[in-house]
């Protein structure tokens, strides 16, 4: 994880110690800076905004090992920009049981539009944690990382439902039930799944507003005086960029009120249709990210 703040030379931004002077956290200033690895850099948005934009993009690309490029597109940073706050998270996990690249073959994947496409399908035989969920009907597969604190969960709907029905039934509590180790069985299977990579950027201003965080974006109501000593600043937009890659070696970053686990044969699990995936921290049972794959595009391969 890495964080960075780029502040306009036109503003005087208070040091972290000044911002926290009136709080009981003053003794933790150095701890906070070390924890978030965050520094403030003064830049010239007024006269060199394009140069600064390229500089910021270069920092993001470097901190994400090249996974996120051109985070700020052309003209997204202008003379009026006062402050850019960045937080990046990069994770590269190696499977506890990697796939053999020699077993990867081109295979058919059915998309959300009931059309098919050829993708690189990875295959291996081994023991995996599996659960059959009856409502909604789907198969849950867990793949463990070498770092045993993390695992990847795949939610694969049965042919009778779509991934939309899974998300309709999805709550935090239900996701915990579906992925509960007590509901899974460690069984020997032949697992086939596609290689895939995902990269998207999401504007979060609307989401924050829906959650009740509105004044932050309204001139005259936003109060960011703790940063500059005045209330002239206002947040114009919040973005999140997301990149995720799954390959042979690993990855680079409901109706009823309870879950029913039903017995069944697990001889062959083929993920050849749209599915959900989640990165899970096993000790805390926290889901770190959740995504859906409709078309498993891979670097270097067209759709």
C-alpha atoms as a PDB file:
ATOM      1  CA  UNK A   1       0.000   0.000   0.000  1.00  0.00           C
ATOM      2  CA  UNK A   2       1.270   3.473  -0.841  1.00  0.00           C
ATOM      3  CA  UNK A   3      -0.261   6.930  -0.493  1.00  0.00           C
ATOM      4  CA  UNK A   4       0.688  10.313  -1.868  1.00  0.00           C
ATOM      5  CA  UNK A   5      -0.675  13.849  -1.719  1.00  0.00           C
ATOM      6  CA  UNK A   6       0.013  16.421  -4.421  1.00  0.00           C
ATOM      7  CA  UNK A   7      -0.818  19.948  -3.281  1.00  0.00           C
ATOM      8  CA  UNK A   8      -0.889  23.132  -5.322  1.00  0.00           C
ATOM      9  CA  UNK A   9       1.834  25.675  -4.640  1.00  0.00           C
ATOM     10  CA  UNK A  10      -0.947  28.258  -4.612  1.00  0.00           C
ATOM     11  CA  UNK A  11      -2.115  26.925  -1.224  1.00  0.00           C
ATOM     12  CA  UNK A  12      -0.388  26.596   2.109  1.00  0.00           C
ATOM     13  CA  UNK A  13      -1.148  23.103   3.354  1.00  0.00           C
ATOM     14  CA  UNK A  14      -0.703  22.482   7.048  1.00  0.00           C
ATOM     15  CA  UNK A  15       1.775  19.909   8.228  1.00  0.00           C
ATOM     16  CA  UNK A  16       0.303  16.718   9.646  1.00  0.00           C
ATOM     17  CA  UNK A  17       1.293  17.765  13.163  1.00  0.00           C
ATOM     18  CA  UNK A  18      -0.607  21.064  12.809  1.00  0.00           C
ATOM     19  CA  UNK A  19      -3.695  19.258  11.507  1.00  0.00           C
ATOM     20  CA  UNK A  20      -3.733  16.937  14.508  1.00  0.00           C
ATOM     21  CA  UNK A  21      -2.625  19.462  17.134  1.00  0.00           C
ATOM     22  CA  UNK A  22      -6.083  19.783  18.649  1.00  0.00           C
ATOM     23  CA  UNK A  23      -6.774  16.058  18.769  1.00  0.00           C
ATOM     24  CA  UNK A  24      -5.778  13.350  21.196  1.00  0.00           C
ATOM     25  CA  UNK A  25      -3.885  11.602  18.387  1.00  0.00           C
ATOM     26  CA  UNK A  26      -0.966  14.021  18.410  1.00  0.00           C
ATOM     27  CA  UNK A  27       1.366  11.363  19.885  1.00  0.00           C
ATOM     28  CA  UNK A  28       0.638   9.090  16.920  1.00  0.00           C
ATOM     29  CA  UNK A  29       1.716  11.489  14.163  1.00  0.00           C
ATOM     30  CA  UNK A  30       4.831   9.562  13.209  1.00  0.00           C
ATOM     31  CA  UNK A  31       2.960   6.265  13.477  1.00  0.00           C
ATOM     32  CA  UNK A  32       0.282   7.499  11.067  1.00  0.00           C
ATOM     33  CA  UNK A  33       2.835   8.756   8.528  1.00  0.00           C
ATOM     34  CA  UNK A  34       4.672   5.447   8.720  1.00  0.00           C
ATOM     35  CA  UNK A  35       1.478   3.372   8.512  1.00  0.00           C
ATOM     36  CA  UNK A  36       0.136   5.110   5.412  1.00  0.00           C
ATOM     37  CA  UNK A  37       3.553   5.826   3.881  1.00  0.00           C
ATOM     38  CA  UNK A  38       2.153   9.209   2.886  1.00  0.00           C
ATOM     39  CA  UNK A  39       4.012  12.355   1.877  1.00  0.00           C
ATOM     40  CA  UNK A  40       2.844  15.755   0.637  1.00  0.00           C
ATOM     41  CA  UNK A  41       4.512  17.061  -2.516  1.00  0.00           C
ATOM     42  CA  UNK A  42       4.048  20.651  -3.637  1.00  0.00           C
ATOM     43  CA  UNK A  43       3.417  20.951  -7.398  1.00  0.00           C
ATOM     44  CA  UNK A  44       2.484  23.660  -9.899  1.00  0.00           C
ATOM     45  CA  UNK A  45      -1.038  22.836 -11.076  1.00  0.00           C
ATOM     46  CA  UNK A  46      -1.473  26.440 -12.189  1.00  0.00           C
ATOM     47  CA  UNK A  47       1.287  26.598 -14.813  1.00  0.00           C
ATOM     48  CA  UNK A  48       2.342  22.985 -15.421  1.00  0.00           C
ATOM     49  CA  UNK A  49      -0.801  20.902 -14.951  1.00  0.00           C
ATOM     50  CA  UNK A  50      -0.056  18.547 -17.864  1.00  0.00           C
ATOM     51  CA  UNK A  51       3.453  17.893 -16.622  1.00  0.00           C
ATOM     52  CA  UNK A  52       2.087  17.210 -13.131  1.00  0.00           C
ATOM     53  CA  UNK A  53      -0.567  14.879 -14.580  1.00  0.00           C
ATOM     54  CA  UNK A  54       2.106  12.772 -16.273  1.00  0.00           C
ATOM     55  CA  UNK A  55       4.137  12.752 -13.079  1.00  0.00           C
ATOM     56  CA  UNK A  56       1.182  11.503 -11.025  1.00  0.00           C
ATOM     57  CA  UNK A  57       0.334   8.839 -13.605  1.00  0.00           C
ATOM     58  CA  UNK A  58       3.939   7.667 -13.543  1.00  0.00           C
ATOM     59  CA  UNK A  59       3.809   7.327  -9.749  1.00  0.00           C
ATOM     60  CA  UNK A  60       0.571   5.291  -9.882  1.00  0.00           C
ATOM     61  CA  UNK A  61       1.946   3.031 -12.627  1.00  0.00           C
ATOM     62  CA  UNK A  62       5.137   2.448 -10.671  1.00  0.00           C
ATOM     63  CA  UNK A  63       3.359   1.676  -7.396  1.00  0.00           C
ATOM     64  CA  UNK A  64       0.987  -0.805  -9.085  1.00  0.00           C
ATOM     65  CA  UNK A  65       3.775  -2.562 -10.987  1.00  0.00           C
ATOM     66  CA  UNK A  66       2.426  -1.322 -14.320  1.00  0.00           C
ATOM     67  CA  UNK A  67      -1.098  -2.663 -13.753  1.00  0.00           C
ATOM     68  CA  UNK A  68      -2.768   0.786 -13.702  1.00  0.00           C
ATOM     69  CA  UNK A  69      -1.709   3.193 -16.426  1.00  0.00           C
ATOM     70  CA  UNK A  70      -2.946   6.661 -17.421  1.00  0.00           C
ATOM     71  CA  UNK A  71      -4.978   6.952 -14.215  1.00  0.00           C
ATOM     72  CA  UNK A  72      -5.652  10.622 -14.946  1.00  0.00           C
ATOM     73  CA  UNK A  73      -6.523  10.995 -18.666  1.00  0.00           C
ATOM     74  CA  UNK A  74      -5.688  14.114 -20.666  1.00  0.00           C
ATOM     75  CA  UNK A  75      -7.376  17.326 -19.455  1.00  0.00           C
ATOM     76  CA  UNK A  76      -8.538  15.729 -16.182  1.00  0.00           C
ATOM     77  CA  UNK A  77      -6.144  17.945 -14.206  1.00  0.00           C
ATOM     78  CA  UNK A  78      -6.304  21.678 -14.885  1.00  0.00           C
ATOM     79  CA  UNK A  79      -5.317  25.069 -13.454  1.00  0.00           C
ATOM     80  CA  UNK A  80      -8.100  24.943 -10.865  1.00  0.00           C
ATOM     81  CA  UNK A  81      -6.834  21.705  -9.286  1.00  0.00           C
ATOM     82  CA  UNK A  82      -5.726  22.335  -5.715  1.00  0.00           C
ATOM     83  CA  UNK A  83      -5.094  18.908  -4.275  1.00  0.00           C
ATOM     84  CA  UNK A  84      -4.843  15.283  -5.429  1.00  0.00           C
ATOM     85  CA  UNK A  85      -4.929  12.521  -2.821  1.00  0.00           C
ATOM     86  CA  UNK A  86      -3.863   9.061  -3.957  1.00  0.00           C
ATOM     87  CA  UNK A  87      -3.959   5.667  -2.317  1.00  0.00           C
ATOM     88  CA  UNK A  88      -2.757   2.566  -4.135  1.00  0.00           C
ATOM     89  CA  UNK A  89      -2.873  -1.086  -3.176  1.00  0.00           C
ATOM     90  CA  UNK A  90      -0.866  -3.693  -5.066  1.00  0.00           C
ATOM     91  CA  UNK A  91      -1.084  -7.397  -4.327  1.00  0.00           C
ATOM     92  CA  UNK A  92       0.621 -10.269  -6.102  1.00  0.00           C
ATOM     93  CA  UNK A  93      -0.293 -13.678  -4.750  1.00  0.00           C
ATOM     94  CA  UNK A  94       1.075 -17.058  -5.771  1.00  0.00           C
ATOM     95  CA  UNK A  95      -1.280 -20.018  -5.686  1.00  0.00           C
ATOM     96  CA  UNK A  96      -0.565 -22.616  -3.037  1.00  0.00           C
ATOM     97  CA  UNK A  97      -1.213 -25.117  -5.839  1.00  0.00           C
ATOM     98  CA  UNK A  98      -0.240 -23.445  -9.168  1.00  0.00           C
ATOM     99  CA  UNK A  99      -1.595 -24.515 -12.546  1.00  0.00           C
ATOM    100  CA  UNK A 100       0.820 -26.051 -15.038  1.00  0.00           C
ATOM    101  CA  UNK A 101       0.989 -23.727 -18.090  1.00  0.00           C
ATOM    102  CA  UNK A 102       1.416 -26.817 -20.288  1.00  0.00           C
ATOM    103  CA  UNK A 103      -2.140 -27.851 -19.371  1.00  0.00           C
ATOM    104  CA  UNK A 104      -3.642 -24.496 -20.438  1.00  0.00           C
ATOM    105  CA  UNK A 105      -5.658 -24.805 -23.651  1.00  0.00           C
ATOM    106  CA  UNK A 106      -8.063 -22.686 -25.662  1.00  0.00           C
ATOM    107  CA  UNK A 107     -11.630 -23.465 -24.656  1.00  0.00           C
ATOM    108  CA  UNK A 108     -15.170 -22.126 -24.946  1.00  0.00           C
ATOM    109  CA  UNK A 109     -16.547 -19.625 -22.425  1.00  0.00           C
ATOM    110  CA  UNK A 110     -20.229 -18.598 -22.479  1.00  0.00           C
ATOM    111  CA  UNK A 111     -20.694 -14.853 -21.910  1.00  0.00           C
ATOM    112  CA  UNK A 112     -23.496 -12.933 -20.187  1.00  0.00           C
ATOM    113  CA  UNK A 113     -25.077 -12.426 -23.615  1.00  0.00           C
ATOM    114  CA  UNK A 114     -25.374 -16.196 -24.183  1.00  0.00           C
ATOM    115  CA  UNK A 115     -22.650 -15.977 -26.780  1.00  0.00           C
ATOM    116  CA  UNK A 116     -19.434 -17.976 -26.733  1.00  0.00           C
ATOM    117  CA  UNK A 117     -15.814 -16.945 -27.019  1.00  0.00           C
ATOM    118  CA  UNK A 118     -12.493 -18.766 -26.950  1.00  0.00           C
ATOM    119  CA  UNK A 119     -10.311 -18.165 -23.898  1.00  0.00           C
ATOM    120  CA  UNK A 120      -7.251 -19.692 -22.240  1.00  0.00           C
ATOM    121  CA  UNK A 121      -8.603 -22.345 -19.861  1.00  0.00           C
ATOM    122  CA  UNK A 122      -6.312 -23.489 -17.044  1.00  0.00           C
ATOM    123  CA  UNK A 123      -6.757 -27.022 -15.713  1.00  0.00           C
ATOM    124  CA  UNK A 124      -5.456 -29.024 -12.797  1.00  0.00           C
ATOM    125  CA  UNK A 125      -6.391 -31.973 -10.597  1.00  0.00           C
ATOM    126  CA  UNK A 126      -6.118 -31.595  -6.839  1.00  0.00           C
ATOM    127  CA  UNK A 127      -7.921 -31.106  -3.555  1.00  0.00           C
ATOM    128  CA  UNK A 128      -9.906 -27.904  -3.134  1.00  0.00           C
ATOM    129  CA  UNK A 129     -12.450 -26.542  -0.681  1.00  0.00           C
ATOM    130  CA  UNK A 130     -15.867 -26.812  -2.350  1.00  0.00           C
ATOM    131  CA  UNK A 131     -19.456 -26.023  -1.337  1.00  0.00           C
ATOM    132  CA  UNK A 132     -22.703 -26.561  -3.215  1.00  0.00           C
ATOM    133  CA  UNK A 133     -25.188 -23.832  -2.300  1.00  0.00           C
ATOM    134  CA  UNK A 134     -28.870 -24.551  -2.908  1.00  0.00           C
ATOM    135  CA  UNK A 135     -30.299 -21.033  -2.683  1.00  0.00           C
ATOM    136  CA  UNK A 136     -29.292 -19.528  -5.023  1.00  0.00           C
ATOM    137  CA  UNK A 137     -27.979 -22.658  -6.761  1.00  0.00           C
ATOM    138  CA  UNK A 138     -24.245 -22.301  -7.288  1.00  0.00           C
ATOM    139  CA  UNK A 139     -20.864 -23.867  -6.629  1.00  0.00           C
ATOM    140  CA  UNK A 140     -18.338 -22.140  -4.371  1.00  0.00           C
ATOM    141  CA  UNK A 141     -14.663 -22.936  -4.973  1.00  0.00           C
ATOM    142  CA  UNK A 142     -11.810 -21.728  -2.774  1.00  0.00           C
ATOM    143  CA  UNK A 143      -8.236 -21.476  -4.053  1.00  0.00           C
ATOM    144  CA  UNK A 144      -5.587 -20.852  -1.428  1.00  0.00           C
ATOM    145  CA  UNK A 145      -2.468 -18.718  -1.775  1.00  0.00           C
ATOM    146  CA  UNK A 146       1.026 -19.523  -0.536  1.00  0.00           C
ATOM    147  CA  UNK A 147       0.310 -16.766   1.950  1.00  0.00           C
ATOM    148  CA  UNK A 148      -2.197 -18.812   3.914  1.00  0.00           C
ATOM    149  CA  UNK A 149      -3.956 -15.727   5.273  1.00  0.00           C
ATOM    150  CA  UNK A 150      -5.528 -15.069   1.855  1.00  0.00           C
ATOM    151  CA  UNK A 151      -7.655 -17.074  -0.534  1.00  0.00           C
ATOM    152  CA  UNK A 152      -9.627 -16.520  -3.728  1.00  0.00           C
ATOM    153  CA  UNK A 153     -13.298 -17.477  -3.734  1.00  0.00           C
ATOM    154  CA  UNK A 154     -15.176 -18.233  -6.966  1.00  0.00           C
ATOM    155  CA  UNK A 155     -18.994 -18.143  -7.009  1.00  0.00           C
ATOM    156  CA  UNK A 156     -20.174 -20.094 -10.039  1.00  0.00           C
ATOM    157  CA  UNK A 157     -23.954 -20.092 -10.691  1.00  0.00           C
ATOM    158  CA  UNK A 158     -25.691 -23.187 -11.944  1.00  0.00           C
ATOM    159  CA  UNK A 159     -26.971 -23.056 -15.526  1.00  0.00           C
ATOM    160  CA  UNK A 160     -30.507 -22.296 -14.291  1.00  0.00           C
ATOM    161  CA  UNK A 161     -29.548 -18.830 -12.947  1.00  0.00           C
ATOM    162  CA  UNK A 162     -27.301 -15.907 -13.886  1.00  0.00           C
ATOM    163  CA  UNK A 163     -24.701 -13.896 -12.002  1.00  0.00           C
ATOM    164  CA  UNK A 164     -27.348 -11.168 -11.636  1.00  0.00           C
ATOM    165  CA  UNK A 165     -29.366 -13.443  -9.356  1.00  0.00           C
ATOM    166  CA  UNK A 166     -26.346 -13.974  -7.132  1.00  0.00           C
ATOM    167  CA  UNK A 167     -25.797 -10.253  -6.661  1.00  0.00           C
ATOM    168  CA  UNK A 168     -29.529  -9.748  -6.036  1.00  0.00           C
ATOM    169  CA  UNK A 169     -29.262 -12.123  -3.089  1.00  0.00           C
ATOM    170  CA  UNK A 170     -25.881 -10.872  -1.939  1.00  0.00           C
ATOM    171  CA  UNK A 171     -25.447  -9.340   1.507  1.00  0.00           C
ATOM    172  CA  UNK A 172     -22.419  -9.256   3.752  1.00  0.00           C
ATOM    173  CA  UNK A 173     -23.968 -11.928   5.967  1.00  0.00           C
ATOM    174  CA  UNK A 174     -24.837 -14.222   3.074  1.00  0.00           C
ATOM    175  CA  UNK A 175     -21.367 -13.937   1.564  1.00  0.00           C
ATOM    176  CA  UNK A 176     -19.920 -14.976   4.920  1.00  0.00           C
ATOM    177  CA  UNK A 177     -22.292 -17.960   4.998  1.00  0.00           C
ATOM    178  CA  UNK A 178     -21.495 -19.028   1.445  1.00  0.00           C
ATOM    179  CA  UNK A 179     -17.744 -18.936   2.112  1.00  0.00           C
ATOM    180  CA  UNK A 180     -17.829 -20.289   5.680  1.00  0.00           C
ATOM    181  CA  UNK A 181     -15.092 -22.963   6.038  1.00  0.00           C
ATOM    182  CA  UNK A 182     -17.573 -25.051   8.020  1.00  0.00           C
ATOM    183  CA  UNK A 183     -19.793 -25.283   4.941  1.00  0.00           C
ATOM    184  CA  UNK A 184     -16.994 -26.468   2.670  1.00  0.00           C
ATOM    185  CA  UNK A 185     -15.532 -29.885   2.019  1.00  0.00           C
ATOM    186  CA  UNK A 186     -11.984 -30.541   0.911  1.00  0.00           C
ATOM    187  CA  UNK A 187     -12.393 -32.877  -2.046  1.00  0.00           C
ATOM    188  CA  UNK A 188     -10.420 -34.111  -5.045  1.00  0.00           C
ATOM    189  CA  UNK A 189     -11.604 -32.517  -8.289  1.00  0.00           C
ATOM    190  CA  UNK A 190     -10.533 -31.568 -11.776  1.00  0.00           C
ATOM    191  CA  UNK A 191     -10.756 -27.765 -11.893  1.00  0.00           C
ATOM    192  CA  UNK A 192     -10.891 -25.793 -15.152  1.00  0.00           C
ATOM    193  CA  UNK A 193     -11.092 -22.003 -15.185  1.00  0.00           C
ATOM    194  CA  UNK A 194     -10.107 -19.118 -17.464  1.00  0.00           C
ATOM    195  CA  UNK A 195      -7.154 -16.819 -17.171  1.00  0.00           C
ATOM    196  CA  UNK A 196      -8.459 -13.273 -16.881  1.00  0.00           C
ATOM    197  CA  UNK A 197      -7.441  -9.699 -16.296  1.00  0.00           C
ATOM    198  CA  UNK A 198      -9.669  -6.793 -15.323  1.00  0.00           C
ATOM    199  CA  UNK A 199      -9.017  -3.066 -15.318  1.00  0.00           C
ATOM    200  CA  UNK A 200     -11.646  -0.422 -14.645  1.00  0.00           C
ATOM    201  CA  UNK A 201     -11.982   3.050 -13.205  1.00  0.00           C
ATOM    202  CA  UNK A 202     -15.025   4.084 -11.202  1.00  0.00           C
ATOM    203  CA  UNK A 203     -16.213   7.592 -10.239  1.00  0.00           C
ATOM    204  CA  UNK A 204     -17.304   7.441  -6.590  1.00  0.00           C
ATOM    205  CA  UNK A 205     -18.850  10.882  -6.104  1.00  0.00           C
ATOM    206  CA  UNK A 206     -22.370   9.567  -6.737  1.00  0.00           C
ATOM    207  CA  UNK A 207     -21.862   6.658  -4.346  1.00  0.00           C
ATOM    208  CA  UNK A 208     -20.629   8.958  -1.585  1.00  0.00           C
ATOM    209  CA  UNK A 209     -23.636  11.240  -2.122  1.00  0.00           C
ATOM    210  CA  UNK A 210     -26.015   8.276  -1.864  1.00  0.00           C
ATOM    211  CA  UNK A 211     -24.364   7.394   1.451  1.00  0.00           C
ATOM    212  CA  UNK A 212     -25.080  10.894   2.752  1.00  0.00           C
ATOM    213  CA  UNK A 213     -21.649  12.454   2.148  1.00  0.00           C
ATOM    214  CA  UNK A 214     -22.800  15.524   0.199  1.00  0.00           C
ATOM    215  CA  UNK A 215     -21.400  18.719   1.714  1.00  0.00           C
ATOM    216  CA  UNK A 216     -17.874  17.629   0.837  1.00  0.00           C
ATOM    217  CA  UNK A 217     -18.644  18.386  -2.825  1.00  0.00           C
ATOM    218  CA  UNK A 218     -20.564  21.667  -2.346  1.00  0.00           C
ATOM    219  CA  UNK A 219     -18.721  25.036  -2.354  1.00  0.00           C
ATOM    220  CA  UNK A 220     -19.550  26.978   0.787  1.00  0.00           C
ATOM    221  CA  UNK A 221     -20.527  23.838   2.694  1.00  0.00           C
ATOM    222  CA  UNK A 222     -17.364  21.774   2.412  1.00  0.00           C
ATOM    223  CA  UNK A 223     -15.086  22.298   5.409  1.00  0.00           C
ATOM    224  CA  UNK A 224     -11.528  21.225   4.682  1.00  0.00           C
ATOM    225  CA  UNK A 225     -10.055  23.979   6.830  1.00  0.00           C
ATOM    226  CA  UNK A 226      -8.049  21.396   8.736  1.00  0.00           C
ATOM    227  CA  UNK A 227      -5.837  21.080   5.660  1.00  0.00           C
ATOM    228  CA  UNK A 228      -5.222  24.715   4.744  1.00  0.00           C
ATOM    229  CA  UNK A 229      -6.536  26.835   7.597  1.00  0.00           C
ATOM    230  CA  UNK A 230      -9.407  28.139   5.435  1.00  0.00           C
ATOM    231  CA  UNK A 231     -12.528  26.652   3.854  1.00  0.00           C
ATOM    232  CA  UNK A 232     -11.863  27.427   0.196  1.00  0.00           C
ATOM    233  CA  UNK A 233     -11.275  23.817  -0.851  1.00  0.00           C
ATOM    234  CA  UNK A 234     -14.003  21.530  -2.159  1.00  0.00           C
ATOM    235  CA  UNK A 235     -13.800  17.961  -3.469  1.00  0.00           C
ATOM    236  CA  UNK A 236     -14.696  17.800  -7.173  1.00  0.00           C
ATOM    237  CA  UNK A 237     -14.483  14.024  -7.713  1.00  0.00           C
ATOM    238  CA  UNK A 238     -13.300  10.753  -6.209  1.00  0.00           C
ATOM    239  CA  UNK A 239     -12.052   7.941  -8.440  1.00  0.00           C
ATOM    240  CA  UNK A 240     -11.087   4.367  -7.824  1.00  0.00           C
ATOM    241  CA  UNK A 241      -9.062   2.355 -10.312  1.00  0.00           C
ATOM    242  CA  UNK A 242      -9.082  -1.415 -10.128  1.00  0.00           C
ATOM    243  CA  UNK A 243      -6.814  -3.923 -11.837  1.00  0.00           C
ATOM    244  CA  UNK A 244      -6.851  -7.658 -11.257  1.00  0.00           C
ATOM    245  CA  UNK A 245      -5.061 -10.503 -13.014  1.00  0.00           C
ATOM    246  CA  UNK A 246      -5.419 -14.264 -12.533  1.00  0.00           C
ATOM    247  CA  UNK A 247      -3.042 -16.688 -14.245  1.00  0.00           C
ATOM    248  CA  UNK A 248      -1.437 -20.108 -13.737  1.00  0.00           C
ATOM    249  CA  UNK A 249       0.944 -18.790 -11.095  1.00  0.00           C
ATOM    250  CA  UNK A 250      -1.586 -16.779  -9.094  1.00  0.00           C
ATOM    251  CA  UNK A 251      -3.205 -13.343  -9.043  1.00  0.00           C
ATOM    252  CA  UNK A 252      -1.797  -9.841  -9.071  1.00  0.00           C
ATOM    253  CA  UNK A 253      -4.252  -7.849  -6.564  1.00  0.00           C
ATOM    254  CA  UNK A 254     -30.371 -15.163  -1.904  1.00  0.00           C
ATOM    255  CA  UNK A 255     -33.982 -16.439  -0.942  1.00  0.00           C
ATOM    256  CA  UNK A 256     -33.598 -18.459   2.208  1.00  0.00           C
ATOM    257  CA  UNK A 257     -32.451 -16.965   5.486  1.00  0.00           C
ATOM    258  CA  UNK A 258     -29.628 -19.422   5.864  1.00  0.00           C
ATOM    259  CA  UNK A 259     -27.221 -21.360   3.656  1.00  0.00           C
ATOM    260  CA  UNK A 260     -27.867 -24.970   2.827  1.00  0.00           C
ATOM    261  CA  UNK A 261     -24.920 -27.103   1.814  1.00  0.00           C
ATOM    262  CA  UNK A 262     -25.991 -30.118  -0.186  1.00  0.00           C
ATOM    263  CA  UNK A 263     -23.968 -33.210  -0.906  1.00  0.00           C
ATOM    264  CA  UNK A 264     -23.030 -34.054  -4.461  1.00  0.00           C
ATOM    265  CA  UNK A 265     -20.307 -35.178  -6.809  1.00  0.00           C
ATOM    266  CA  UNK A 266     -17.335 -32.858  -7.258  1.00  0.00           C
ATOM    267  CA  UNK A 267     -15.446 -34.862  -9.860  1.00  0.00           C
ATOM    268  CA  UNK A 268     -15.311 -32.015 -12.394  1.00  0.00           C
ATOM    269  CA  UNK A 269     -15.717 -28.269 -11.818  1.00  0.00           C
ATOM    270  CA  UNK A 270     -15.542 -26.233 -15.021  1.00  0.00           C
ATOM    271  CA  UNK A 271     -15.853 -22.448 -14.754  1.00  0.00           C
ATOM    272  CA  UNK A 272     -16.859 -21.751 -18.352  1.00  0.00           C
ATOM    273  CA  UNK A 273     -19.626 -19.201 -17.788  1.00  0.00           C
ATOM    274  CA  UNK A 274     -19.935 -15.828 -15.990  1.00  0.00           C
ATOM    275  CA  UNK A 275     -18.909 -15.932 -12.331  1.00  0.00           C
ATOM    276  CA  UNK A 276     -18.095 -13.810  -9.305  1.00  0.00           C
ATOM    277  CA  UNK A 277     -14.722 -13.783  -7.566  1.00  0.00           C
ATOM    278  CA  UNK A 278     -13.685 -12.463  -4.163  1.00  0.00           C
ATOM    279  CA  UNK A 279     -10.349 -11.976  -2.423  1.00  0.00           C
ATOM    280  CA  UNK A 280     -10.740 -12.985   1.213  1.00  0.00           C
ATOM    281  CA  UNK A 281      -8.629 -12.458   4.316  1.00  0.00           C
ATOM    282  CA  UNK A 282      -9.164 -15.740   6.117  1.00  0.00           C
ATOM    283  CA  UNK A 283      -8.219 -14.798   9.674  1.00  0.00           C
ATOM    284  CA  UNK A 284     -10.614 -11.847   9.851  1.00  0.00           C
ATOM    285  CA  UNK A 285     -13.101 -13.246   7.312  1.00  0.00           C
ATOM    286  CA  UNK A 286     -13.015  -9.880   5.522  1.00  0.00           C
ATOM    287  CA  UNK A 287     -13.706  -9.653   1.777  1.00  0.00           C
ATOM    288  CA  UNK A 288     -11.031  -7.349   0.335  1.00  0.00           C
ATOM    289  CA  UNK A 289     -12.497  -7.103  -3.159  1.00  0.00           C
ATOM    290  CA  UNK A 290     -15.379  -8.523  -5.174  1.00  0.00           C
ATOM    291  CA  UNK A 291     -15.795  -8.645  -8.936  1.00  0.00           C
ATOM    292  CA  UNK A 292     -17.711 -10.266 -11.766  1.00  0.00           C
ATOM    293  CA  UNK A 293     -16.299 -11.790 -14.947  1.00  0.00           C
ATOM    294  CA  UNK A 294     -18.563 -11.922 -18.012  1.00  0.00           C
ATOM    295  CA  UNK A 295     -15.838 -11.966 -20.666  1.00  0.00           C
ATOM    296  CA  UNK A 296     -12.488 -13.209 -19.313  1.00  0.00           C
ATOM    297  CA  UNK A 297     -10.190 -11.083 -21.449  1.00  0.00           C
ATOM    298  CA  UNK A 298      -6.479 -11.700 -21.121  1.00  0.00           C
ATOM    299  CA  UNK A 299      -3.541  -9.437 -21.844  1.00  0.00           C
ATOM    300  CA  UNK A 300      -2.529  -9.831 -25.449  1.00  0.00           C
ATOM    301  CA  UNK A 301      -5.763 -11.510 -26.512  1.00  0.00           C
ATOM    302  CA  UNK A 302      -8.632  -9.585 -28.112  1.00  0.00           C
ATOM    303  CA  UNK A 303     -12.215 -10.129 -26.977  1.00  0.00           C
END
